[in-house]
Amino acid sequence: MVSVSSIGVARQHERAVGLARSALAPVHEDLTTLAIYNQARNKPPKDHGQEGHWAMRIQSAFDLFSGAPHDDIGTTGHFTWTYNDAVAAVATATGLLARLDELKRA
């Protein structure tokens, strides 16, 4: 994972967001997360429950961060990434990974 302090120095904002996306892969691919996301996505937010909201947040972050390594015309090709975007991506990935680790230990 890239450190927050190195993001600004190297001015590699897009790379940092891409690395945050890669770091989220274990959380995104966790079978429990996928099952909960698939149940929650067709329900109104009020019916998601706490785990459903977490699964939606994981999917949302993964989808957003996927715009960094993919410059697809018509979808993500126009995405731009600032220093603060990169910091938010790294912090989000770090928090979600820590949460997954805690859940696996319980």
PDB file of N, CA and C in Angstrom:
ATOM      1  N   MET A   1       0.858  -1.174   0.000  1.00  0.00           N
ATOM      2  CA  MET A   1       0.000   0.000   0.000  1.00  0.00           C
ATOM      3  C   MET A   1       0.897   1.228   0.000  1.00  0.00           C
ATOM      4  N   VAL A   2       0.448   2.250  -0.642  1.00  0.00           N
ATOM      5  CA  VAL A   2       1.185   3.509  -0.694  1.00  0.00           C
ATOM      6  C   VAL A   2       0.930   4.291   0.588  1.00  0.00           C
ATOM      7  N   SER A   3       1.913   5.017   1.055  1.00  0.00           N
ATOM      8  CA  SER A   3       1.705   5.823   2.258  1.00  0.00           C
ATOM      9  C   SER A   3       1.157   7.184   1.854  1.00  0.00           C
ATOM     10  N   VAL A   4       0.358   7.756   2.731  1.00  0.00           N
ATOM     11  CA  VAL A   4      -0.238   9.063   2.461  1.00  0.00           C
ATOM     12  C   VAL A   4       0.843  10.110   2.249  1.00  0.00           C
ATOM     13  N   SER A   5       1.923  10.046   3.004  1.00  0.00           N
ATOM     14  CA  SER A   5       2.971  11.059   2.882  1.00  0.00           C
ATOM     15  C   SER A   5       3.666  11.011   1.523  1.00  0.00           C
ATOM     16  N   SER A   6       3.711   9.848   0.884  1.00  0.00           N
ATOM     17  CA  SER A   6       4.384   9.748  -0.412  1.00  0.00           C
ATOM     18  C   SER A   6       3.508  10.183  -1.575  1.00  0.00           C
ATOM     19  N   ILE A   7       2.221  10.318  -1.363  1.00  0.00           N
ATOM     20  CA  ILE A   7       1.308  10.693  -2.447  1.00  0.00           C
ATOM     21  C   ILE A   7       1.640  12.073  -2.986  1.00  0.00           C
ATOM     22  N   GLY A   8       1.732  13.056  -2.093  1.00  0.00           N
ATOM     23  CA  GLY A   8       1.988  14.429  -2.511  1.00  0.00           C
ATOM     24  C   GLY A   8       3.386  14.635  -3.036  1.00  0.00           C
ATOM     25  N   VAL A   9       4.336  13.946  -2.456  1.00  0.00           N
ATOM     26  CA  VAL A   9       5.725  14.100  -2.867  1.00  0.00           C
ATOM     27  C   VAL A   9       5.900  13.651  -4.314  1.00  0.00           C
ATOM     28  N   ALA A  10       5.359  12.512  -4.649  1.00  0.00           N
ATOM     29  CA  ALA A  10       5.534  11.958  -5.990  1.00  0.00           C
ATOM     30  C   ALA A  10       4.477  12.465  -6.965  1.00  0.00           C
ATOM     31  N   ARG A  11       3.433  13.105  -6.469  1.00  0.00           N
ATOM     32  CA  ARG A  11       2.329  13.568  -7.318  1.00  0.00           C
ATOM     33  C   ARG A  11       1.735  12.427  -8.135  1.00  0.00           C
ATOM     34  N   GLN A  12       1.608  11.299  -7.496  1.00  0.00           N
ATOM     35  CA  GLN A  12       1.063  10.121  -8.166  1.00  0.00           C
ATOM     36  C   GLN A  12      -0.331   9.815  -7.624  1.00  0.00           C
ATOM     37  N   HIS A  13      -1.208  10.781  -7.761  1.00  0.00           N
ATOM     38  CA  HIS A  13      -2.545  10.659  -7.184  1.00  0.00           C
ATOM     39  C   HIS A  13      -3.324   9.490  -7.789  1.00  0.00           C
ATOM     40  N   GLU A  14      -3.310   9.395  -9.109  1.00  0.00           N
ATOM     41  CA  GLU A  14      -4.054   8.324  -9.769  1.00  0.00           C
ATOM     42  C   GLU A  14      -3.492   6.952  -9.380  1.00  0.00           C
ATOM     43  N   ARG A  15      -2.190   6.844  -9.306  1.00  0.00           N
ATOM     44  CA  ARG A  15      -1.558   5.580  -8.903  1.00  0.00           C
ATOM     45  C   ARG A  15      -1.965   5.202  -7.479  1.00  0.00           C
ATOM     46  N   ALA A  16      -2.006   6.178  -6.592  1.00  0.00           N
ATOM     47  CA  ALA A  16      -2.401   5.903  -5.203  1.00  0.00           C
ATOM     48  C   ALA A  16      -3.829   5.402  -5.126  1.00  0.00           C
ATOM     49  N   VAL A  17      -4.729   5.998  -5.908  1.00  0.00           N
ATOM     50  CA  VAL A  17      -6.122   5.540  -5.924  1.00  0.00           C
ATOM     51  C   VAL A  17      -6.189   4.125  -6.496  1.00  0.00           C
ATOM     52  N   GLY A  18      -5.421   3.858  -7.530  1.00  0.00           N
ATOM     53  CA  GLY A  18      -5.373   2.511  -8.102  1.00  0.00           C
ATOM     54  C   GLY A  18      -4.862   1.479  -7.111  1.00  0.00           C
ATOM     55  N   LEU A  19      -3.858   1.845  -6.337  1.00  0.00           N
ATOM     56  CA  LEU A  19      -3.341   0.939  -5.311  1.00  0.00           C
ATOM     57  C   LEU A  19      -4.364   0.724  -4.193  1.00  0.00           C
ATOM     58  N   ALA A  20      -5.121   1.765  -3.864  1.00  0.00           N
ATOM     59  CA  ALA A  20      -6.183   1.612  -2.865  1.00  0.00           C
ATOM     60  C   ALA A  20      -7.236   0.627  -3.369  1.00  0.00           C
ATOM     61  N   ARG A  21      -7.543   0.703  -4.665  1.00  0.00           N
ATOM     62  CA  ARG A  21      -8.487  -0.242  -5.253  1.00  0.00           C
ATOM     63  C   ARG A  21      -7.941  -1.668  -5.150  1.00  0.00           C
ATOM     64  N   SER A  22      -6.678  -1.849  -5.483  1.00  0.00           N
ATOM     65  CA  SER A  22      -6.065  -3.174  -5.387  1.00  0.00           C
ATOM     66  C   SER A  22      -6.086  -3.691  -3.953  1.00  0.00           C
ATOM     67  N   ALA A  23      -5.841  -2.799  -3.016  1.00  0.00           N
ATOM     68  CA  ALA A  23      -5.850  -3.192  -1.604  1.00  0.00           C
ATOM     69  C   ALA A  23      -7.245  -3.605  -1.152  1.00  0.00           C
ATOM     70  N   LEU A  24      -8.274  -3.030  -1.756  1.00  0.00           N
ATOM     71  CA  LEU A  24      -9.652  -3.363  -1.385  1.00  0.00           C
ATOM     72  C   LEU A  24     -10.099  -4.719  -1.929  1.00  0.00           C
ATOM     73  N   ALA A  25      -9.353  -5.285  -2.848  1.00  0.00           N
ATOM     74  CA  ALA A  25      -9.777  -6.538  -3.477  1.00  0.00           C
ATOM     75  C   ALA A  25     -10.150  -7.631  -2.464  1.00  0.00           C
ATOM     76  N   PRO A  26      -9.361  -7.880  -1.402  1.00  0.00           N
ATOM     77  CA  PRO A  26      -9.760  -8.927  -0.455  1.00  0.00           C
ATOM     78  C   PRO A  26     -11.087  -8.629   0.242  1.00  0.00           C
ATOM     79  N   VAL A  27     -11.351  -7.367   0.497  1.00  0.00           N
ATOM     80  CA  VAL A  27     -12.610  -6.993   1.143  1.00  0.00           C
ATOM     81  C   VAL A  27     -13.749  -7.157   0.145  1.00  0.00           C
ATOM     82  N   HIS A  28     -13.528  -6.669  -1.067  1.00  0.00           N
ATOM     83  CA  HIS A  28     -14.543  -6.720  -2.123  1.00  0.00           C
ATOM     84  C   HIS A  28     -14.882  -8.156  -2.496  1.00  0.00           C
ATOM     85  N   GLU A  29     -13.880  -9.023  -2.519  1.00  0.00           N
ATOM     86  CA  GLU A  29     -14.073 -10.402  -2.955  1.00  0.00           C
ATOM     87  C   GLU A  29     -14.488 -11.346  -1.833  1.00  0.00           C
ATOM     88  N   ASP A  30     -14.526 -10.854  -0.606  1.00  0.00           N
ATOM     89  CA  ASP A  30     -14.944 -11.685   0.516  1.00  0.00           C
ATOM     90  C   ASP A  30     -16.357 -12.200   0.243  1.00  0.00           C
ATOM     91  N   LEU A  31     -16.557 -13.503   0.331  1.00  0.00           N
ATOM     92  CA  LEU A  31     -17.845 -14.102  -0.025  1.00  0.00           C
ATOM     93  C   LEU A  31     -18.990 -13.580   0.819  1.00  0.00           C
ATOM     94  N   THR A  32     -18.726 -13.296   2.084  1.00  0.00           N
ATOM     95  CA  THR A  32     -19.768 -12.749   2.944  1.00  0.00           C
ATOM     96  C   THR A  32     -20.172 -11.366   2.457  1.00  0.00           C
ATOM     97  N   THR A  33     -19.187 -10.540   2.128  1.00  0.00           N
ATOM     98  CA  THR A  33     -19.466  -9.196   1.628  1.00  0.00           C
ATOM     99  C   THR A  33     -20.297  -9.260   0.350  1.00  0.00           C
ATOM    100  N   LEU A  34     -19.908 -10.129  -0.577  1.00  0.00           N
ATOM    101  CA  LEU A  34     -20.633 -10.239  -1.840  1.00  0.00           C
ATOM    102  C   LEU A  34     -22.070 -10.697  -1.638  1.00  0.00           C
ATOM    103  N   ALA A  35     -22.269 -11.666  -0.764  1.00  0.00           N
ATOM    104  CA  ALA A  35     -23.615 -12.168  -0.512  1.00  0.00           C
ATOM    105  C   ALA A  35     -24.491 -11.073   0.097  1.00  0.00           C
ATOM    106  N   ILE A  36     -23.950 -10.348   1.057  1.00  0.00           N
ATOM    107  CA  ILE A  36     -24.716  -9.272   1.703  1.00  0.00           C
ATOM    108  C   ILE A  36     -24.989  -8.161   0.698  1.00  0.00           C
ATOM    109  N   TYR A  37     -23.997  -7.803  -0.109  1.00  0.00           N
ATOM    110  CA  TYR A  37     -24.193  -6.761  -1.128  1.00  0.00           C
ATOM    111  C   TYR A  37     -25.297  -7.173  -2.103  1.00  0.00           C
ATOM    112  N   ASN A  38     -25.258  -8.417  -2.579  1.00  0.00           N
ATOM    113  CA  ASN A  38     -26.257  -8.878  -3.537  1.00  0.00           C
ATOM    114  C   ASN A  38     -27.670  -8.862  -2.957  1.00  0.00           C
ATOM    115  N   GLN A  39     -27.788  -9.089  -1.661  1.00  0.00           N
ATOM    116  CA  GLN A  39     -29.102  -9.010  -1.013  1.00  0.00           C
ATOM    117  C   GLN A  39     -29.547  -7.563  -0.839  1.00  0.00           C
ATOM    118  N   ALA A  40     -28.614  -6.697  -0.483  1.00  0.00           N
ATOM    119  CA  ALA A  40     -28.958  -5.311  -0.147  1.00  0.00           C
ATOM    120  C   ALA A  40     -29.217  -4.434  -1.366  1.00  0.00           C
ATOM    121  N   ARG A  41     -28.547  -4.694  -2.456  1.00  0.00           N
ATOM    122  CA  ARG A  41     -28.599  -3.758  -3.591  1.00  0.00           C
ATOM    123  C   ARG A  41     -29.979  -3.571  -4.198  1.00  0.00           C
ATOM    124  N   ASN A  42     -30.865  -4.528  -4.041  1.00  0.00           N
ATOM    125  CA  ASN A  42     -32.214  -4.393  -4.596  1.00  0.00           C
ATOM    126  C   ASN A  42     -33.241  -3.931  -3.570  1.00  0.00           C
ATOM    127  N   LYS A  43     -32.764  -3.567  -2.382  1.00  0.00           N
ATOM    128  CA  LYS A  43     -33.659  -3.106  -1.327  1.00  0.00           C
ATOM    129  C   LYS A  43     -33.493  -1.606  -1.139  1.00  0.00           C
ATOM    130  N   PRO A  44     -34.526  -0.951  -0.613  1.00  0.00           N
ATOM    131  CA  PRO A  44     -34.353   0.464  -0.254  1.00  0.00           C
ATOM    132  C   PRO A  44     -33.315   0.579   0.865  1.00  0.00           C
ATOM    133  N   PRO A  45     -32.549   1.677   0.908  1.00  0.00           N
ATOM    134  CA  PRO A  45     -31.513   1.839   1.942  1.00  0.00           C
ATOM    135  C   PRO A  45     -32.008   1.594   3.361  1.00  0.00           C
ATOM    136  N   LYS A  46     -33.242   1.948   3.650  1.00  0.00           N
ATOM    137  CA  LYS A  46     -33.754   1.765   5.020  1.00  0.00           C
ATOM    138  C   LYS A  46     -33.843   0.287   5.406  1.00  0.00           C
ATOM    139  N   ASP A  47     -33.800  -0.591   4.411  1.00  0.00           N
ATOM    140  CA  ASP A  47     -33.904  -2.021   4.675  1.00  0.00           C
ATOM    141  C   ASP A  47     -32.567  -2.763   4.579  1.00  0.00           C
ATOM    142  N   HIS A  48     -31.468  -2.041   4.428  1.00  0.00           N
ATOM    143  CA  HIS A  48     -30.160  -2.680   4.273  1.00  0.00           C
ATOM    144  C   HIS A  48     -29.629  -3.292   5.559  1.00  0.00           C
ATOM    145  N   GLY A  49     -29.917  -2.704   6.677  1.00  0.00           N
ATOM    146  CA  GLY A  49     -29.302  -3.136   7.921  1.00  0.00           C
ATOM    147  C   GLY A  49     -27.847  -2.677   7.953  1.00  0.00           C
ATOM    148  N   GLN A  50     -27.203  -2.813   9.084  1.00  0.00           N
ATOM    149  CA  GLN A  50     -25.831  -2.317   9.233  1.00  0.00           C
ATOM    150  C   GLN A  50     -24.864  -3.025   8.280  1.00  0.00           C
ATOM    151  N   GLU A  51     -24.922  -4.346   8.214  1.00  0.00           N
ATOM    152  CA  GLU A  51     -23.997  -5.079   7.334  1.00  0.00           C
ATOM    153  C   GLU A  51     -24.265  -4.777   5.866  1.00  0.00           C
ATOM    154  N   GLY A  52     -25.524  -4.567   5.529  1.00  0.00           N
ATOM    155  CA  GLY A  52     -25.855  -4.192   4.161  1.00  0.00           C
ATOM    156  C   GLY A  52     -25.267  -2.846   3.785  1.00  0.00           C
ATOM    157  N   HIS A  53     -25.319  -1.898   4.707  1.00  0.00           N
ATOM    158  CA  HIS A  53     -24.710  -0.581   4.453  1.00  0.00           C
ATOM    159  C   HIS A  53     -23.195  -0.703   4.295  1.00  0.00           C
ATOM    160  N   TRP A  54     -22.557  -1.538   5.113  1.00  0.00           N
ATOM    161  CA  TRP A  54     -21.111  -1.745   4.965  1.00  0.00           C
ATOM    162  C   TRP A  54     -20.806  -2.351   3.594  1.00  0.00           C
ATOM    163  N   ALA A  55     -21.573  -3.351   3.189  1.00  0.00           N
ATOM    164  CA  ALA A  55     -21.346  -3.985   1.889  1.00  0.00           C
ATOM    165  C   ALA A  55     -21.539  -2.984   0.747  1.00  0.00           C
ATOM    166  N   MET A  56     -22.528  -2.129   0.853  1.00  0.00           N
ATOM    167  CA  MET A  56     -22.760  -1.103  -0.170  1.00  0.00           C
ATOM    168  C   MET A  56     -21.592  -0.117  -0.210  1.00  0.00           C
ATOM    169  N   ARG A  57     -21.071   0.231   0.961  1.00  0.00           N
ATOM    170  CA  ARG A  57     -19.931   1.159   1.024  1.00  0.00           C
ATOM    171  C   ARG A  57     -18.693   0.538   0.374  1.00  0.00           C
ATOM    172  N   ILE A  58     -18.443  -0.723   0.642  1.00  0.00           N
ATOM    173  CA  ILE A  58     -17.298  -1.418   0.048  1.00  0.00           C
ATOM    174  C   ILE A  58     -17.426  -1.431  -1.472  1.00  0.00           C
ATOM    175  N   GLN A  59     -18.606  -1.800  -1.968  1.00  0.00           N
ATOM    176  CA  GLN A  59     -18.812  -1.857  -3.411  1.00  0.00           C
ATOM    177  C   GLN A  59     -18.674  -0.476  -4.035  1.00  0.00           C
ATOM    178  N   SER A  60     -19.214   0.529  -3.386  1.00  0.00           N
ATOM    179  CA  SER A  60     -19.139   1.893  -3.900  1.00  0.00           C
ATOM    180  C   SER A  60     -17.691   2.375  -3.994  1.00  0.00           C
ATOM    181  N   ALA A  61     -16.924   2.124  -2.941  1.00  0.00           N
ATOM    182  CA  ALA A  61     -15.514   2.528  -2.945  1.00  0.00           C
ATOM    183  C   ALA A  61     -14.754   1.781  -4.042  1.00  0.00           C
ATOM    184  N   PHE A  62     -14.981   0.488  -4.166  1.00  0.00           N
ATOM    185  CA  PHE A  62     -14.295  -0.310  -5.179  1.00  0.00           C
ATOM    186  C   PHE A  62     -14.633   0.201  -6.585  1.00  0.00           C
ATOM    187  N   ASP A  63     -15.911   0.494  -6.808  1.00  0.00           N
ATOM    188  CA  ASP A  63     -16.329   1.004  -8.120  1.00  0.00           C
ATOM    189  C   ASP A  63     -15.685   2.357  -8.416  1.00  0.00           C
ATOM    190  N   LEU A  64     -15.697   3.262  -7.456  1.00  0.00           N
ATOM    191  CA  LEU A  64     -15.098   4.580  -7.647  1.00  0.00           C
ATOM    192  C   LEU A  64     -13.603   4.464  -7.911  1.00  0.00           C
ATOM    193  N   PHE A  65     -12.905   3.718  -7.083  1.00  0.00           N
ATOM    194  CA  PHE A  65     -11.452   3.588  -7.214  1.00  0.00           C
ATOM    195  C   PHE A  65     -11.066   2.846  -8.498  1.00  0.00           C
ATOM    196  N   SER A  66     -11.979   2.069  -9.055  1.00  0.00           N
ATOM    197  CA  SER A  66     -11.700   1.356 -10.308  1.00  0.00           C
ATOM    198  C   SER A  66     -11.485   2.321 -11.469  1.00  0.00           C
ATOM    199  N   GLY A  67     -11.915   3.549 -11.315  1.00  0.00           N
ATOM    200  CA  GLY A  67     -11.697   4.546 -12.352  1.00  0.00           C
ATOM    201  C   GLY A  67     -10.245   4.937 -12.506  1.00  0.00           C
ATOM    202  N   ALA A  68      -9.423   4.674 -11.515  1.00  0.00           N
ATOM    203  CA  ALA A  68      -8.004   5.055 -11.597  1.00  0.00           C
ATOM    204  C   ALA A  68      -7.214   4.168 -12.555  1.00  0.00           C
ATOM    205  N   PRO A  69      -7.287   2.843 -12.422  1.00  0.00           N
ATOM    206  CA  PRO A  69      -6.491   2.025 -13.330  1.00  0.00           C
ATOM    207  C   PRO A  69      -7.132   1.816 -14.701  1.00  0.00           C
ATOM    208  N   HIS A  70      -8.380   2.226 -14.855  1.00  0.00           N
ATOM    209  CA  HIS A  70      -9.089   2.021 -16.122  1.00  0.00           C
ATOM    210  C   HIS A  70      -9.500   3.359 -16.718  1.00  0.00           C
ATOM    211  N   ASP A  71      -8.946   3.697 -17.852  1.00  0.00           N
ATOM    212  CA  ASP A  71      -9.311   4.927 -18.553  1.00  0.00           C
ATOM    213  C   ASP A  71     -10.177   4.573 -19.759  1.00  0.00           C
ATOM    214  N   ASP A  72     -11.370   4.107 -19.473  1.00  0.00           N
ATOM    215  CA  ASP A  72     -12.279   3.677 -20.528  1.00  0.00           C
ATOM    216  C   ASP A  72     -13.028   4.873 -21.100  1.00  0.00           C
ATOM    217  N   ILE A  73     -13.028   4.996 -22.413  1.00  0.00           N
ATOM    218  CA  ILE A  73     -13.713   6.094 -23.089  1.00  0.00           C
ATOM    219  C   ILE A  73     -15.204   6.015 -22.784  1.00  0.00           C
ATOM    220  N   GLY A  74     -15.776   7.138 -22.400  1.00  0.00           N
ATOM    221  CA  GLY A  74     -17.202   7.204 -22.125  1.00  0.00           C
ATOM    222  C   GLY A  74     -17.596   6.900 -20.694  1.00  0.00           C
ATOM    223  N   THR A  75     -16.673   6.332 -19.905  1.00  0.00           N
ATOM    224  CA  THR A  75     -17.016   6.038 -18.510  1.00  0.00           C
ATOM    225  C   THR A  75     -15.993   6.635 -17.551  1.00  0.00           C
ATOM    226  N   THR A  76     -14.798   6.088 -17.522  1.00  0.00           N
ATOM    227  CA  THR A  76     -13.806   6.533 -16.533  1.00  0.00           C
ATOM    228  C   THR A  76     -12.652   7.317 -17.140  1.00  0.00           C
ATOM    229  N   GLY A  77     -12.626   7.471 -18.442  1.00  0.00           N
ATOM    230  CA  GLY A  77     -11.525   8.152 -19.117  1.00  0.00           C
ATOM    231  C   GLY A  77     -11.361   9.605 -18.721  1.00  0.00           C
ATOM    232  N   HIS A  78     -12.425  10.222 -18.253  1.00  0.00           N
ATOM    233  CA  HIS A  78     -12.368  11.638 -17.859  1.00  0.00           C
ATOM    234  C   HIS A  78     -12.129  11.837 -16.365  1.00  0.00           C
ATOM    235  N   PHE A  79     -11.985  10.761 -15.604  1.00  0.00           N
ATOM    236  CA  PHE A  79     -11.756  10.884 -14.161  1.00  0.00           C
ATOM    237  C   PHE A  79     -10.409  11.566 -13.910  1.00  0.00           C
ATOM    238  N   THR A  80     -10.382  12.467 -12.959  1.00  0.00           N
ATOM    239  CA  THR A  80      -9.142  13.071 -12.504  1.00  0.00           C
ATOM    240  C   THR A  80      -9.051  12.881 -10.999  1.00  0.00           C
ATOM    241  N   TRP A  81      -7.829  12.836 -10.492  1.00  0.00           N
ATOM    242  CA  TRP A  81      -7.612  12.516  -9.085  1.00  0.00           C
ATOM    243  C   TRP A  81      -6.720  13.572  -8.457  1.00  0.00           C
ATOM    244  N   THR A  82      -7.177  14.134  -7.363  1.00  0.00           N
ATOM    245  CA  THR A  82      -6.410  15.131  -6.631  1.00  0.00           C
ATOM    246  C   THR A  82      -5.676  14.459  -5.469  1.00  0.00           C
ATOM    247  N   TYR A  83      -4.831  15.246  -4.833  1.00  0.00           N
ATOM    248  CA  TYR A  83      -4.144  14.765  -3.637  1.00  0.00           C
ATOM    249  C   TYR A  83      -5.161  14.305  -2.595  1.00  0.00           C
ATOM    250  N   ASN A  84      -6.201  15.112  -2.354  1.00  0.00           N
ATOM    251  CA  ASN A  84      -7.187  14.761  -1.331  1.00  0.00           C
ATOM    252  C   ASN A  84      -8.026  13.552  -1.726  1.00  0.00           C
ATOM    253  N   ASP A  85      -8.266  13.366  -3.023  1.00  0.00           N
ATOM    254  CA  ASP A  85      -8.932  12.141  -3.477  1.00  0.00           C
ATOM    255  C   ASP A  85      -8.083  10.922  -3.105  1.00  0.00           C
ATOM    256  N   ALA A  86      -6.781  11.041  -3.364  1.00  0.00           N
ATOM    257  CA  ALA A  86      -5.869   9.936  -3.065  1.00  0.00           C
ATOM    258  C   ALA A  86      -5.811   9.650  -1.568  1.00  0.00           C
ATOM    259  N   VAL A  87      -5.752  10.692  -0.765  1.00  0.00           N
ATOM    260  CA  VAL A  87      -5.732  10.510   0.692  1.00  0.00           C
ATOM    261  C   VAL A  87      -7.018   9.823   1.148  1.00  0.00           C
ATOM    262  N   ALA A  88      -8.158  10.263   0.627  1.00  0.00           N
ATOM    263  CA  ALA A  88      -9.443   9.661   1.002  1.00  0.00           C
ATOM    264  C   ALA A  88      -9.504   8.198   0.574  1.00  0.00           C
ATOM    265  N   ALA A  89      -8.980   7.889  -0.611  1.00  0.00           N
ATOM    266  CA  ALA A  89      -8.991   6.506  -1.095  1.00  0.00           C
ATOM    267  C   ALA A  89      -8.128   5.607  -0.215  1.00  0.00           C
ATOM    268  N   VAL A  90      -6.933   6.081   0.117  1.00  0.00           N
ATOM    269  CA  VAL A  90      -6.029   5.294   0.966  1.00  0.00           C
ATOM    270  C   VAL A  90      -6.632   5.106   2.357  1.00  0.00           C
ATOM    271  N   ALA A  91      -7.205   6.162   2.908  1.00  0.00           N
ATOM    272  CA  ALA A  91      -7.814   6.068   4.240  1.00  0.00           C
ATOM    273  C   ALA A  91      -9.013   5.126   4.230  1.00  0.00           C
ATOM    274  N   THR A  92      -9.836   5.195   3.194  1.00  0.00           N
ATOM    275  CA  THR A  92     -11.003   4.316   3.083  1.00  0.00           C
ATOM    276  C   THR A  92     -10.572   2.862   2.988  1.00  0.00           C
ATOM    277  N   ALA A  93      -9.617   2.586   2.104  1.00  0.00           N
ATOM    278  CA  ALA A  93      -9.134   1.210   1.950  1.00  0.00           C
ATOM    279  C   ALA A  93      -8.531   0.698   3.257  1.00  0.00           C
ATOM    280  N   THR A  94      -7.760   1.529   3.920  1.00  0.00           N
ATOM    281  CA  THR A  94      -7.137   1.137   5.189  1.00  0.00           C
ATOM    282  C   THR A  94      -8.195   0.791   6.226  1.00  0.00           C
ATOM    283  N   GLY A  95      -9.202   1.632   6.348  1.00  0.00           N
ATOM    284  CA  GLY A  95     -10.268   1.391   7.314  1.00  0.00           C
ATOM    285  C   GLY A  95     -11.064   0.137   7.011  1.00  0.00           C
ATOM    286  N   LEU A  96     -11.391  -0.084   5.759  1.00  0.00           N
ATOM    287  CA  LEU A  96     -12.170  -1.262   5.390  1.00  0.00           C
ATOM    288  C   LEU A  96     -11.363  -2.551   5.553  1.00  0.00           C
ATOM    289  N   LEU A  97     -10.066  -2.486   5.284  1.00  0.00           N
ATOM    290  CA  LEU A  97      -9.209  -3.655   5.512  1.00  0.00           C
ATOM    291  C   LEU A  97      -9.096  -3.964   7.004  1.00  0.00           C
ATOM    292  N   ALA A  98      -8.964  -2.937   7.815  1.00  0.00           N
ATOM    293  CA  ALA A  98      -8.887  -3.137   9.264  1.00  0.00           C
ATOM    294  C   ALA A  98     -10.185  -3.744   9.786  1.00  0.00           C
ATOM    295  N   ARG A  99     -11.308  -3.282   9.259  1.00  0.00           N
ATOM    296  CA  ARG A  99     -12.606  -3.821   9.671  1.00  0.00           C
ATOM    297  C   ARG A  99     -12.717  -5.285   9.293  1.00  0.00           C
ATOM    298  N   LEU A 100     -12.324  -5.647   8.069  1.00  0.00           N
ATOM    299  CA  LEU A 100     -12.376  -7.043   7.645  1.00  0.00           C
ATOM    300  C   LEU A 100     -11.500  -7.915   8.537  1.00  0.00           C
ATOM    301  N   ASP A 101     -10.307  -7.423   8.840  1.00  0.00           N
ATOM    302  CA  ASP A 101      -9.395  -8.168   9.700  1.00  0.00           C
ATOM    303  C   ASP A 101     -10.042  -8.421  11.070  1.00  0.00           C
ATOM    304  N   GLU A 102     -10.659  -7.388  11.604  1.00  0.00           N
ATOM    305  CA  GLU A 102     -11.325  -7.536  12.911  1.00  0.00           C
ATOM    306  C   GLU A 102     -12.460  -8.554  12.843  1.00  0.00           C
ATOM    307  N   LEU A 103     -13.249  -8.503  11.772  1.00  0.00           N
ATOM    308  CA  LEU A 103     -14.349  -9.445  11.627  1.00  0.00           C
ATOM    309  C   LEU A 103     -13.853 -10.885  11.514  1.00  0.00           C
ATOM    310  N   LYS A 104     -12.739 -11.072  10.830  1.00  0.00           N
ATOM    311  CA  LYS A 104     -12.196 -12.420  10.645  1.00  0.00           C
ATOM    312  C   LYS A 104     -11.635 -12.975  11.950  1.00  0.00           C
ATOM    313  N   ARG A 105     -11.185 -12.092  12.828  1.00  0.00           N
ATOM    314  CA  ARG A 105     -10.639 -12.533  14.122  1.00  0.00           C
ATOM    315  C   ARG A 105     -11.715 -12.873  15.130  1.00  0.00           C
ATOM    316  N   ALA A 106     -12.903 -12.314  14.928  1.00  0.00           N
ATOM    317  CA  ALA A 106     -14.006 -12.511  15.900  1.00  0.00           C
ATOM    318  C   ALA A 106     -14.562 -13.916  15.851  1.00  0.00           C
TER     319      ALA A 106
END
